Amino acid sequence: MVRKLLVLLATLAATLGLMVPTATTSSALGGEWLACGMTGGPNYYASPCVGGSSSGPVVINFAVLYETGSSTYSWAVPAVYVPNINEGCTSNSNYCQLIVGRGSKQILMSVTLTQGQATETLSTNAYVEPYCGDTWC
């Protein structure tokens, strides 16, 4: 009987020990992924992404995927493309949409996520391919 009581008390002490709050802040950062998709490319997000258009502008959607917690965002849009921001790209949006002209270009996009005291920077490339007629050159 005494042995059973000791096991019960040890189990109770261990359970209560797991419930003691700690002063550290936790972050779920680490599983996120920055991907993109664009006009003329596959209809899914990839990293990097490739696409283009034989006529008209190219829409590029950058998105943070696989988020495990609430974050704020700091988008690093290359200065030359700041005028091309169409949607998102704010501290509250996990996506950034650019509309750019067709033709050969590489756009390196990055975003810094913040959760509490933790930060993580993600980046990806978008390759806009040139078109010759109706096919990629």
C-alpha atoms as a PDB file:
ATOM      1  CA  MET A   1       0.000   0.000   0.000  1.00  0.00           C
ATOM      2  CA  VAL A   2       2.817   2.416   0.868  1.00  0.00           C
ATOM      3  CA  ARG A   3       4.535   1.610  -2.425  1.00  0.00           C
ATOM      4  CA  LYS A   4       1.373   2.477  -4.424  1.00  0.00           C
ATOM      5  CA  LEU A   5       1.018   5.741  -2.507  1.00  0.00           C
ATOM      6  CA  LEU A   6       4.646   6.697  -3.276  1.00  0.00           C
ATOM      7  CA  VAL A   7       4.138   5.948  -6.995  1.00  0.00           C
ATOM      8  CA  LEU A   8       0.940   8.024  -6.990  1.00  0.00           C
ATOM      9  CA  LEU A   9       2.678  10.951  -5.246  1.00  0.00           C
ATOM     10  CA  ALA A  10       5.650  10.769  -7.648  1.00  0.00           C
ATOM     11  CA  THR A  11       3.285  10.789 -10.649  1.00  0.00           C
ATOM     12  CA  LEU A  12       1.361  13.738  -9.210  1.00  0.00           C
ATOM     13  CA  ALA A  13       4.587  15.673  -8.530  1.00  0.00           C
ATOM     14  CA  ALA A  14       5.824  15.022 -12.087  1.00  0.00           C
ATOM     15  CA  THR A  15       2.496  16.145 -13.569  1.00  0.00           C
ATOM     16  CA  LEU A  16       2.452  19.337 -11.518  1.00  0.00           C
ATOM     17  CA  GLY A  17       6.077  19.996 -12.460  1.00  0.00           C
ATOM     18  CA  LEU A  18       5.096  19.999 -16.133  1.00  0.00           C
ATOM     19  CA  MET A  19       2.442  22.622 -15.454  1.00  0.00           C
ATOM     20  CA  VAL A  20       4.747  25.225 -13.879  1.00  0.00           C
ATOM     21  CA  PRO A  21       4.773  28.281 -16.150  1.00  0.00           C
ATOM     22  CA  THR A  22       8.113  29.505 -17.442  1.00  0.00           C
ATOM     23  CA  ALA A  23       9.261  33.039 -18.140  1.00  0.00           C
ATOM     24  CA  THR A  24      10.644  32.275 -21.603  1.00  0.00           C
ATOM     25  CA  THR A  25       8.775  33.179 -24.756  1.00  0.00           C
ATOM     26  CA  SER A  26       8.198  30.440 -27.250  1.00  0.00           C
ATOM     27  CA  SER A  27       8.261  30.748 -30.999  1.00  0.00           C
ATOM     28  CA  ALA A  28       7.060  28.392 -33.640  1.00  0.00           C
ATOM     29  CA  LEU A  29       9.355  29.903 -36.283  1.00  0.00           C
ATOM     30  CA  GLY A  30      11.321  27.459 -38.346  1.00  0.00           C
ATOM     31  CA  GLY A  31       8.905  25.621 -40.622  1.00  0.00           C
ATOM     32  CA  GLU A  32       7.873  28.540 -42.806  1.00  0.00           C
ATOM     33  CA  TRP A  33       8.678  28.744 -46.500  1.00  0.00           C
ATOM     34  CA  LEU A  34       8.630  31.676 -48.941  1.00  0.00           C
ATOM     35  CA  ALA A  35       7.374  30.597 -52.338  1.00  0.00           C
ATOM     36  CA  CYS A  36       6.061  32.253 -55.466  1.00  0.00           C
ATOM     37  CA  GLY A  37       3.895  31.671 -58.468  1.00  0.00           C
ATOM     38  CA  MET A  38       3.400  33.765 -61.569  1.00  0.00           C
ATOM     39  CA  THR A  39       1.641  34.291 -64.861  1.00  0.00           C
ATOM     40  CA  GLY A  40       2.805  31.715 -67.379  1.00  0.00           C
ATOM     41  CA  GLY A  41       4.233  29.396 -64.745  1.00  0.00           C
ATOM     42  CA  PRO A  42       2.881  26.268 -63.065  1.00  0.00           C
ATOM     43  CA  ASN A  43      -0.381  26.724 -61.151  1.00  0.00           C
ATOM     44  CA  TYR A  44       1.277  25.996 -57.800  1.00  0.00           C
ATOM     45  CA  TYR A  45       3.743  27.779 -55.529  1.00  0.00           C
ATOM     46  CA  ALA A  46       7.437  26.909 -55.850  1.00  0.00           C
ATOM     47  CA  SER A  47      10.796  28.238 -54.752  1.00  0.00           C
ATOM     48  CA  PRO A  48      12.183  29.521 -57.051  1.00  0.00           C
ATOM     49  CA  CYS A  49       9.394  30.136 -59.543  1.00  0.00           C
ATOM     50  CA  VAL A  50       9.607  30.588 -63.300  1.00  0.00           C
ATOM     51  CA  GLY A  51       7.087  32.015 -65.729  1.00  0.00           C
ATOM     52  CA  GLY A  52       6.439  34.743 -68.196  1.00  0.00           C
ATOM     53  CA  SER A  53       3.997  36.166 -70.658  1.00  0.00           C
ATOM     54  CA  SER A  54       4.000  36.531 -74.424  1.00  0.00           C
ATOM     55  CA  SER A  55       1.968  39.709 -74.078  1.00  0.00           C
ATOM     56  CA  GLY A  56       0.960  41.963 -71.252  1.00  0.00           C
ATOM     57  CA  PRO A  57       2.265  42.194 -67.706  1.00  0.00           C
ATOM     58  CA  VAL A  58       3.411  39.356 -65.465  1.00  0.00           C
ATOM     59  CA  VAL A  59       1.747  38.929 -62.048  1.00  0.00           C
ATOM     60  CA  ILE A  60       4.049  37.469 -59.385  1.00  0.00           C
ATOM     61  CA  ASN A  61       2.601  36.283 -56.069  1.00  0.00           C
ATOM     62  CA  PHE A  62       5.029  35.728 -53.194  1.00  0.00           C
ATOM     63  CA  ALA A  63       3.557  33.983 -50.140  1.00  0.00           C
ATOM     64  CA  VAL A  64       4.720  32.703 -46.770  1.00  0.00           C
ATOM     65  CA  LEU A  65       3.560  29.093 -46.495  1.00  0.00           C
ATOM     66  CA  TYR A  66       3.401  26.601 -43.613  1.00  0.00           C
ATOM     67  CA  GLU A  67       3.079  29.194 -40.865  1.00  0.00           C
ATOM     68  CA  THR A  68       2.669  27.769 -37.394  1.00  0.00           C
ATOM     69  CA  GLY A  69       1.936  30.992 -35.552  1.00  0.00           C
ATOM     70  CA  SER A  70       0.910  34.609 -35.896  1.00  0.00           C
ATOM     71  CA  SER A  71       3.682  36.797 -37.320  1.00  0.00           C
ATOM     72  CA  THR A  72       4.409  40.301 -38.473  1.00  0.00           C
ATOM     73  CA  TYR A  73       6.198  40.715 -41.784  1.00  0.00           C
ATOM     74  CA  SER A  74       8.882  42.998 -43.128  1.00  0.00           C
ATOM     75  CA  TRP A  75       9.024  42.640 -46.910  1.00  0.00           C
ATOM     76  CA  ALA A  76      12.282  43.558 -48.675  1.00  0.00           C
ATOM     77  CA  VAL A  77      10.993  44.486 -52.118  1.00  0.00           C
ATOM     78  CA  PRO A  78      13.872  45.444 -54.430  1.00  0.00           C
ATOM     79  CA  ALA A  79      13.762  49.237 -54.836  1.00  0.00           C
ATOM     80  CA  VAL A  80      13.249  49.070 -58.593  1.00  0.00           C
ATOM     81  CA  TYR A  81      10.048  47.006 -58.057  1.00  0.00           C
ATOM     82  CA  VAL A  82       8.474  49.065 -55.248  1.00  0.00           C
ATOM     83  CA  PRO A  83       6.302  50.928 -57.819  1.00  0.00           C
ATOM     84  CA  ASN A  84       5.103  47.507 -59.051  1.00  0.00           C
ATOM     85  CA  ILE A  85       3.489  46.470 -55.741  1.00  0.00           C
ATOM     86  CA  ASN A  86      -0.126  45.578 -56.417  1.00  0.00           C
ATOM     87  CA  GLU A  87      -1.295  43.993 -53.129  1.00  0.00           C
ATOM     88  CA  GLY A  88       0.050  42.939 -49.761  1.00  0.00           C
ATOM     89  CA  CYS A  89       3.699  43.574 -48.904  1.00  0.00           C
ATOM     90  CA  THR A  90       2.650  45.075 -45.543  1.00  0.00           C
ATOM     91  CA  SER A  91       3.513  44.179 -41.962  1.00  0.00           C
ATOM     92  CA  ASN A  92       0.144  42.427 -41.627  1.00  0.00           C
ATOM     93  CA  SER A  93       0.142  40.462 -44.903  1.00  0.00           C
ATOM     94  CA  ASN A  94       1.807  37.119 -45.489  1.00  0.00           C
ATOM     95  CA  TYR A  95       1.809  37.746 -49.237  1.00  0.00           C
ATOM     96  CA  CYS A  96       3.224  40.288 -51.651  1.00  0.00           C
ATOM     97  CA  GLN A  97       2.006  40.695 -55.226  1.00  0.00           C
ATOM     98  CA  LEU A  98       3.985  42.484 -57.918  1.00  0.00           C
ATOM     99  CA  ILE A  99       2.937  43.264 -61.470  1.00  0.00           C
ATOM    100  CA  VAL A 100       5.961  43.631 -63.741  1.00  0.00           C
ATOM    101  CA  GLY A 101       6.584  43.956 -67.452  1.00  0.00           C
ATOM    102  CA  ARG A 102       7.351  40.923 -69.529  1.00  0.00           C
ATOM    103  CA  GLY A 103      10.917  40.150 -70.510  1.00  0.00           C
ATOM    104  CA  SER A 104      13.935  38.611 -68.890  1.00  0.00           C
ATOM    105  CA  LYS A 105      14.398  39.470 -65.215  1.00  0.00           C
ATOM    106  CA  GLN A 106      15.273  37.882 -61.895  1.00  0.00           C
ATOM    107  CA  ILE A 107      13.640  39.187 -58.732  1.00  0.00           C
ATOM    108  CA  LEU A 108      15.072  38.201 -55.364  1.00  0.00           C
ATOM    109  CA  MET A 109      12.386  38.675 -52.712  1.00  0.00           C
ATOM    110  CA  SER A 110      12.836  38.282 -48.992  1.00  0.00           C
ATOM    111  CA  VAL A 111      10.669  38.719 -45.929  1.00  0.00           C
ATOM    112  CA  THR A 112      11.531  38.781 -42.241  1.00  0.00           C
ATOM    113  CA  LEU A 113       8.967  37.168 -39.939  1.00  0.00           C
ATOM    114  CA  THR A 114       8.711  38.199 -36.305  1.00  0.00           C
ATOM    115  CA  GLN A 115       6.984  36.267 -33.531  1.00  0.00           C
ATOM    116  CA  GLY A 116       7.590  37.816 -30.128  1.00  0.00           C
ATOM    117  CA  GLN A 117      11.381  38.118 -29.768  1.00  0.00           C
ATOM    118  CA  ALA A 118      12.173  35.613 -32.540  1.00  0.00           C
ATOM    119  CA  THR A 119      12.842  36.517 -36.169  1.00  0.00           C
ATOM    120  CA  GLU A 120      13.450  34.521 -39.311  1.00  0.00           C
ATOM    121  CA  THR A 121      14.315  35.740 -42.822  1.00  0.00           C
ATOM    122  CA  LEU A 122      13.088  33.806 -45.846  1.00  0.00           C
ATOM    123  CA  SER A 123      13.929  34.437 -49.488  1.00  0.00           C
ATOM    124  CA  THR A 124      13.217  33.139 -52.971  1.00  0.00           C
ATOM    125  CA  ASN A 125      13.802  34.054 -56.605  1.00  0.00           C
ATOM    126  CA  ALA A 126      11.292  34.694 -59.360  1.00  0.00           C
ATOM    127  CA  TYR A 127      12.581  34.282 -62.897  1.00  0.00           C
ATOM    128  CA  VAL A 128      10.566  36.043 -65.577  1.00  0.00           C
ATOM    129  CA  GLU A 129      11.490  34.413 -68.866  1.00  0.00           C
ATOM    130  CA  PRO A 130      11.574  36.297 -72.162  1.00  0.00           C
ATOM    131  CA  TYR A 131       9.198  35.256 -74.921  1.00  0.00           C
ATOM    132  CA  CYS A 132      10.012  35.050 -78.609  1.00  0.00           C
ATOM    133  CA  GLY A 133       6.646  34.960 -80.310  1.00  0.00           C
ATOM    134  CA  ASP A 134       4.556  32.547 -78.271  1.00  0.00           C
ATOM    135  CA  THR A 135       7.330  30.436 -76.696  1.00  0.00           C
ATOM    136  CA  TRP A 136      10.116  31.073 -74.219  1.00  0.00           C
ATOM    137  CA  CYS A 137      13.364  32.119 -75.907  1.00  0.00           C
END
